PDB file of all heavy atoms in Angstrom:
ATOM      1  N   LYS A   1     170.194  36.570  59.074  1.00  0.00           N
ATOM      2  CA  LYS A   1     168.854  36.147  59.442  1.00  0.00           C
ATOM      3  C   LYS A   1     168.934  35.386  60.751  1.00  0.00           C
ATOM      4  O   LYS A   1     169.781  34.510  60.925  1.00  0.00           O
ATOM      5  CB  LYS A   1     168.239  35.245  58.363  1.00  0.00           C
ATOM      6  CG  LYS A   1     168.179  35.888  56.982  1.00  0.00           C
ATOM      7  CD  LYS A   1     167.245  37.079  56.955  1.00  0.00           C
ATOM      8  CE  LYS A   1     167.161  37.676  55.542  1.00  0.00           C
ATOM      9  NZ  LYS A   1     166.334  38.891  55.519  1.00  0.00           N
ATOM     10  N   THR A   2     168.053  35.724  61.674  1.00  0.00           N
ATOM     11  CA  THR A   2     167.993  35.001  62.942  1.00  0.00           C
ATOM     12  C   THR A   2     166.659  34.296  63.019  1.00  0.00           C
ATOM     13  O   THR A   2     165.628  34.824  62.592  1.00  0.00           O
ATOM     14  CB  THR A   2     168.139  35.955  64.135  1.00  0.00           C
ATOM     15  OG1 THR A   2     167.146  36.978  64.051  1.00  0.00           O
ATOM     16  CG2 THR A   2     169.512  36.593  64.131  1.00  0.00           C
ATOM     17  N   SER A   3     166.684  33.087  63.549  1.00  0.00           N
ATOM     18  CA  SER A   3     165.458  32.291  63.636  1.00  0.00           C
ATOM     19  C   SER A   3     164.674  32.677  64.861  1.00  0.00           C
ATOM     20  O   SER A   3     165.227  32.994  65.907  1.00  0.00           O
ATOM     21  CB  SER A   3     165.812  30.806  63.708  1.00  0.00           C
ATOM     22  OG  SER A   3     166.629  30.545  64.827  1.00  0.00           O
ATOM     23  N   GLY A   4     163.348  32.653  64.722  1.00  0.00           N
ATOM     24  CA  GLY A   4     162.499  32.921  65.872  1.00  0.00           C
ATOM     25  C   GLY A   4     162.194  34.391  66.011  1.00  0.00           C
ATOM     26  O   GLY A   4     162.957  35.268  65.630  1.00  0.00           O
ATOM     27  N   ALA A   5     161.009  34.678  66.569  1.00  0.00           N
ATOM     28  CA  ALA A   5     160.617  36.056  66.803  1.00  0.00           C
ATOM     29  C   ALA A   5     161.399  36.613  67.965  1.00  0.00           C
ATOM     30  O   ALA A   5     161.664  35.953  68.943  1.00  0.00           O
ATOM     31  CB  ALA A   5     159.114  36.133  67.086  1.00  0.00           C
ATOM     32  N   GLN A   6     161.772  37.875  67.822  1.00  0.00           N
ATOM     33  CA  GLN A   6     162.512  38.530  68.885  1.00  0.00           C
ATOM     34  C   GLN A   6     161.542  39.152  69.875  1.00  0.00           C
ATOM     35  O   GLN A   6     160.734  39.995  69.522  1.00  0.00           O
ATOM     36  CB  GLN A   6     163.422  39.621  68.296  1.00  0.00           C
ATOM     37  CG  GLN A   6     164.525  39.080  67.416  1.00  0.00           C
ATOM     38  CD  GLN A   6     165.543  38.290  68.204  1.00  0.00           C
ATOM     39  OE1 GLN A   6     165.904  38.621  69.322  1.00  0.00           O
ATOM     40  NE2 GLN A   6     165.999  37.197  67.621  1.00  0.00           N
ATOM     41  N   GLU A   7     161.630  38.708  71.123  1.00  0.00           N
ATOM     42  CA  GLU A   7     160.797  39.280  72.174  1.00  0.00           C
ATOM     43  C   GLU A   7     161.589  40.403  72.816  1.00  0.00           C
ATOM     44  O   GLU A   7     162.305  40.229  73.787  1.00  0.00           O
ATOM     45  CB  GLU A   7     160.432  38.215  73.210  1.00  0.00           C
ATOM     46  CG  GLU A   7     159.625  37.064  72.646  1.00  0.00           C
ATOM     47  CD  GLU A   7     159.385  36.005  73.695  1.00  0.00           C
ATOM     48  OE1 GLU A   7     159.719  36.239  74.864  1.00  0.00           O
ATOM     49  OE2 GLU A   7     158.864  34.942  73.340  1.00  0.00           O
ATOM     50  N   GLY A   8     161.475  41.613  72.255  1.00  0.00           N
ATOM     51  CA  GLY A   8     162.235  42.723  72.774  1.00  0.00           C
ATOM     52  C   GLY A   8     163.518  42.897  71.968  1.00  0.00           C
ATOM     53  O   GLY A   8     163.659  42.410  70.860  1.00  0.00           O
ATOM     54  N   THR A   9     164.475  43.613  72.533  1.00  0.00           N
ATOM     55  CA  THR A   9     165.712  43.904  71.846  1.00  0.00           C
ATOM     56  C   THR A   9     166.836  43.057  72.408  1.00  0.00           C
ATOM     57  O   THR A   9     166.742  42.523  73.514  1.00  0.00           O
ATOM     58  CB  THR A   9     166.062  45.390  72.014  1.00  0.00           C
ATOM     59  OG1 THR A   9     166.395  45.623  73.404  1.00  0.00           O
ATOM     60  CG2 THR A   9     164.879  46.268  71.624  1.00  0.00           C
ATOM     61  N   PRO A  10     167.960  42.935  71.657  1.00  0.00           N
ATOM     62  CA  PRO A  10     169.110  42.205  72.200  1.00  0.00           C
ATOM     63  C   PRO A  10     169.628  42.817  73.491  1.00  0.00           C
ATOM     64  O   PRO A  10     170.174  42.112  74.340  1.00  0.00           O
ATOM     65  CB  PRO A  10     170.145  42.318  71.066  1.00  0.00           C
ATOM     66  CG  PRO A  10     169.351  42.534  69.828  1.00  0.00           C
ATOM     67  CD  PRO A  10     168.161  43.337  70.261  1.00  0.00           C
ATOM     68  N   PHE A  11     169.445  44.138  73.642  1.00  0.00           N
ATOM     69  CA  PHE A  11     169.932  44.790  74.857  1.00  0.00           C
ATOM     70  C   PHE A  11     169.059  44.416  76.052  1.00  0.00           C
ATOM     71  O   PHE A  11     169.541  44.287  77.175  1.00  0.00           O
ATOM     72  CB  PHE A  11     169.972  46.300  74.655  1.00  0.00           C
ATOM     73  CG  PHE A  11     170.666  46.686  73.375  1.00  0.00           C
ATOM     74  CD1 PHE A  11     169.953  47.237  72.326  1.00  0.00           C
ATOM     75  CD2 PHE A  11     172.019  46.441  73.213  1.00  0.00           C
ATOM     76  CE1 PHE A  11     170.588  47.561  71.144  1.00  0.00           C
ATOM     77  CE2 PHE A  11     172.662  46.756  72.034  1.00  0.00           C
ATOM     78  CZ  PHE A  11     171.948  47.318  70.997  1.00  0.00           C
ATOM     79  N   THR A  12     167.766  44.224  75.819  1.00  0.00           N
ATOM     80  CA  THR A  12     166.892  43.712  76.869  1.00  0.00           C
ATOM     81  C   THR A  12     167.320  42.300  77.257  1.00  0.00           C
ATOM     82  O   THR A  12     167.318  41.943  78.445  1.00  0.00           O
ATOM     83  CB  THR A  12     165.434  43.700  76.385  1.00  0.00           C
ATOM     84  OG1 THR A  12     165.062  45.019  75.980  1.00  0.00           O
ATOM     85  CG2 THR A  12     164.499  43.234  77.498  1.00  0.00           C
ATOM     86  N   ASP A  13     167.706  41.507  76.271  1.00  0.00           N
ATOM     87  CA  ASP A  13     168.185  40.152  76.560  1.00  0.00           C
ATOM     88  C   ASP A  13     169.462  40.185  77.395  1.00  0.00           C
ATOM     89  O   ASP A  13     169.632  39.399  78.333  1.00  0.00           O
ATOM     90  CB  ASP A  13     168.435  39.392  75.254  1.00  0.00           C
ATOM     91  CG  ASP A  13     167.144  39.019  74.542  1.00  0.00           C
ATOM     92  OD1 ASP A  13     166.102  38.955  75.221  1.00  0.00           O
ATOM     93  OD2 ASP A  13     167.166  38.816  73.324  1.00  0.00           O
ATOM     94  N   LEU A  14     170.375  41.096  77.057  1.00  0.00           N
ATOM     95  CA  LEU A  14     171.600  41.220  77.839  1.00  0.00           C
ATOM     96  C   LEU A  14     171.294  41.587  79.289  1.00  0.00           C
ATOM     97  O   LEU A  14     171.878  41.034  80.224  1.00  0.00           O
ATOM     98  CB  LEU A  14     172.512  42.289  77.228  1.00  0.00           C
ATOM     99  CG  LEU A  14     173.509  41.851  76.163  1.00  0.00           C
ATOM    100  CD1 LEU A  14     174.300  43.040  75.650  1.00  0.00           C
ATOM    101  CD2 LEU A  14     174.457  40.788  76.684  1.00  0.00           C
ATOM    102  N   ARG A  15     170.363  42.525  79.460  1.00  0.00           N
ATOM    103  CA  ARG A  15     170.009  42.934  80.817  1.00  0.00           C
ATOM    104  C   ARG A  15     169.299  41.807  81.565  1.00  0.00           C
ATOM    105  O   ARG A  15     169.470  41.659  82.786  1.00  0.00           O
ATOM    106  CB  ARG A  15     169.127  44.195  80.754  1.00  0.00           C
ATOM    107  CG  ARG A  15     168.803  44.809  82.107  1.00  0.00           C
ATOM    108  CD  ARG A  15     170.039  45.065  82.939  1.00  0.00           C
ATOM    109  NE  ARG A  15     171.031  45.864  82.263  1.00  0.00           N
ATOM    110  CZ  ARG A  15     171.064  47.193  82.318  1.00  0.00           C
ATOM    111  NH1 ARG A  15     170.145  47.845  83.014  1.00  0.00           N
ATOM    112  NH2 ARG A  15     172.017  47.872  81.697  1.00  0.00           N
ATOM    113  N   THR A  16     168.528  41.000  80.857  1.00  0.00           N
ATOM    114  CA  THR A  16     167.880  39.845  81.487  1.00  0.00           C
ATOM    115  C   THR A  16     168.916  38.861  82.020  1.00  0.00           C
ATOM    116  O   THR A  16     168.809  38.364  83.141  1.00  0.00           O
ATOM    117  CB  THR A  16     166.962  39.135  80.469  1.00  0.00           C
ATOM    118  OG1 THR A  16     165.925  40.031  80.067  1.00  0.00           O
ATOM    119  CG2 THR A  16     166.328  37.888  81.082  1.00  0.00           C
ATOM    120  N   VAL A  17     169.950  38.586  81.208  1.00  0.00           N
ATOM    121  CA  VAL A  17     171.015  37.673  81.642  1.00  0.00           C
ATOM    122  C   VAL A  17     171.743  38.240  82.846  1.00  0.00           C
ATOM    123  O   VAL A  17     171.999  37.543  83.834  1.00  0.00           O
ATOM    124  CB  VAL A  17     171.997  37.415  80.483  1.00  0.00           C
ATOM    125  CG1 VAL A  17     173.214  36.634  80.964  1.00  0.00           C
ATOM    126  CG2 VAL A  17     171.301  36.655  79.359  1.00  0.00           C
ATOM    127  N   ARG A  18     172.065  39.520  82.780  1.00  0.00           N
ATOM    128  CA  ARG A  18     172.787  40.139  83.903  1.00  0.00           C
ATOM    129  C   ARG A  18     171.949  40.136  85.172  1.00  0.00           C
ATOM    130  O   ARG A  18     172.454  39.817  86.254  1.00  0.00           O
ATOM    131  CB  ARG A  18     173.175  41.574  83.544  1.00  0.00           C
ATOM    132  CG  ARG A  18     173.817  42.315  84.710  1.00  0.00           C
ATOM    133  CD  ARG A  18     174.190  43.733  84.374  1.00  0.00           C
ATOM    134  NE  ARG A  18     174.656  44.441  85.550  1.00  0.00           N
ATOM    135  CZ  ARG A  18     175.127  45.675  85.523  1.00  0.00           C
ATOM    136  NH1 ARG A  18     175.204  46.349  84.384  1.00  0.00           N
ATOM    137  NH2 ARG A  18     175.531  46.256  86.637  1.00  0.00           N
ATOM    138  N   SER A  19     170.674  40.481  85.050  1.00  0.00           N
ATOM    139  CA  SER A  19     169.809  40.527  86.232  1.00  0.00           C
ATOM    140  C   SER A  19     169.680  39.145  86.869  1.00  0.00           C
ATOM    141  O   SER A  19     169.671  39.011  88.093  1.00  0.00           O
ATOM    142  CB  SER A  19     168.427  41.060  85.851  1.00  0.00           C
ATOM    143  OG  SER A  19     168.527  42.378  85.357  1.00  0.00           O
ATOM    144  N   PHE A  20     169.593  38.112  86.026  1.00  0.00           N
ATOM    145  CA  PHE A  20     169.467  36.758  86.573  1.00  0.00           C
ATOM    146  C   PHE A  20     170.737  36.347  87.317  1.00  0.00           C
ATOM    147  O   PHE A  20     170.681  35.783  88.407  1.00  0.00           O
ATOM    148  CB  PHE A  20     169.181  35.768  85.446  1.00  0.00           C
ATOM    149  CG  PHE A  20     169.049  34.348  85.919  1.00  0.00           C
ATOM    150  CD1 PHE A  20     167.899  33.919  86.561  1.00  0.00           C
ATOM    151  CD2 PHE A  20     170.074  33.440  85.732  1.00  0.00           C
ATOM    152  CE1 PHE A  20     167.775  32.609  87.019  1.00  0.00           C
ATOM    153  CE2 PHE A  20     169.971  32.134  86.173  1.00  0.00           C
ATOM    154  CZ  PHE A  20     168.808  31.724  86.824  1.00  0.00           C
ATOM    155  N   LEU A  21     171.898  36.654  86.711  1.00  0.00           N
ATOM    156  CA  LEU A  21     173.160  36.286  87.351  1.00  0.00           C
ATOM    157  C   LEU A  21     173.391  37.066  88.643  1.00  0.00           C
ATOM    158  O   LEU A  21     173.983  36.552  89.591  1.00  0.00           O
ATOM    159  CB  LEU A  21     174.326  36.526  86.390  1.00  0.00           C
ATOM    160  CG  LEU A  21     174.414  35.601  85.178  1.00  0.00           C
ATOM    161  CD1 LEU A  21     175.529  36.035  84.253  1.00  0.00           C
ATOM    162  CD2 LEU A  21     174.630  34.156  85.610  1.00  0.00           C
ATOM    163  N   SER A  22     172.916  38.330  88.652  1.00  0.00           N
ATOM    164  CA  SER A  22     173.155  39.174  89.824  1.00  0.00           C
ATOM    165  C   SER A  22     172.097  39.007  90.902  1.00  0.00           C
ATOM    166  O   SER A  22     172.265  39.521  92.010  1.00  0.00           O
ATOM    167  CB  SER A  22     173.203  40.651  89.386  1.00  0.00           C
ATOM    168  OG  SER A  22     174.171  40.850  88.380  1.00  0.00           O
ATOM    169  N   GLY A  23     171.017  38.327  90.597  1.00  0.00           N
ATOM    170  CA  GLY A  23     169.918  38.195  91.552  1.00  0.00           C
ATOM    171  C   GLY A  23     170.136  37.079  92.560  1.00  0.00           C
ATOM    172  O   GLY A  23     171.124  36.335  92.504  1.00  0.00           O
ATOM    173  N   PRO A  24     169.191  36.935  93.469  1.00  0.00           N
ATOM    174  CA  PRO A  24     169.348  35.944  94.543  1.00  0.00           C
ATOM    175  C   PRO A  24     168.906  34.531  94.169  1.00  0.00           C
ATOM    176  O   PRO A  24     169.065  33.607  94.972  1.00  0.00           O
ATOM    177  CB  PRO A  24     168.432  36.506  95.641  1.00  0.00           C
ATOM    178  CG  PRO A  24     167.352  37.220  94.890  1.00  0.00           C
ATOM    179  CD  PRO A  24     168.002  37.779  93.648  1.00  0.00           C
ATOM    180  N   THR A  25     168.326  34.370  92.972  1.00  0.00           N
ATOM    181  CA  THR A  25     167.745  33.059  92.646  1.00  0.00           C
ATOM    182  C   THR A  25     168.773  32.056  92.160  1.00  0.00           C
ATOM    183  O   THR A  25     168.637  30.855  92.385  1.00  0.00           O
ATOM    184  CB  THR A  25     166.659  33.215  91.573  1.00  0.00           C
ATOM    185  OG1 THR A  25     167.216  33.873  90.425  1.00  0.00           O
ATOM    186  CG2 THR A  25     165.495  34.041  92.089  1.00  0.00           C
ATOM    187  N   LEU A  26     169.826  32.528  91.469  1.00  0.00           N
ATOM    188  CA  LEU A  26     170.809  31.598  90.920  1.00  0.00           C
ATOM    189  C   LEU A  26     171.517  30.782  91.998  1.00  0.00           C
ATOM    190  O   LEU A  26     171.725  29.578  91.817  1.00  0.00           O
ATOM    191  CB  LEU A  26     171.823  32.354  90.053  1.00  0.00           C
ATOM    192  CG  LEU A  26     172.880  31.482  89.361  1.00  0.00           C
ATOM    193  CD1 LEU A  26     172.227  30.425  88.498  1.00  0.00           C
ATOM    194  CD2 LEU A  26     173.831  32.347  88.529  1.00  0.00           C
TER     195      LEU A  26
END
C-alpha cells in the first residue's frame, strides 16, 4: 500500500526526475 493519490504512473515520475536533472533549471 502506498500513501497518497498517484498523479500519473511511476514511469512518469521517473521521467520527471530525469527531465529536471537534465534541464537547465537545476
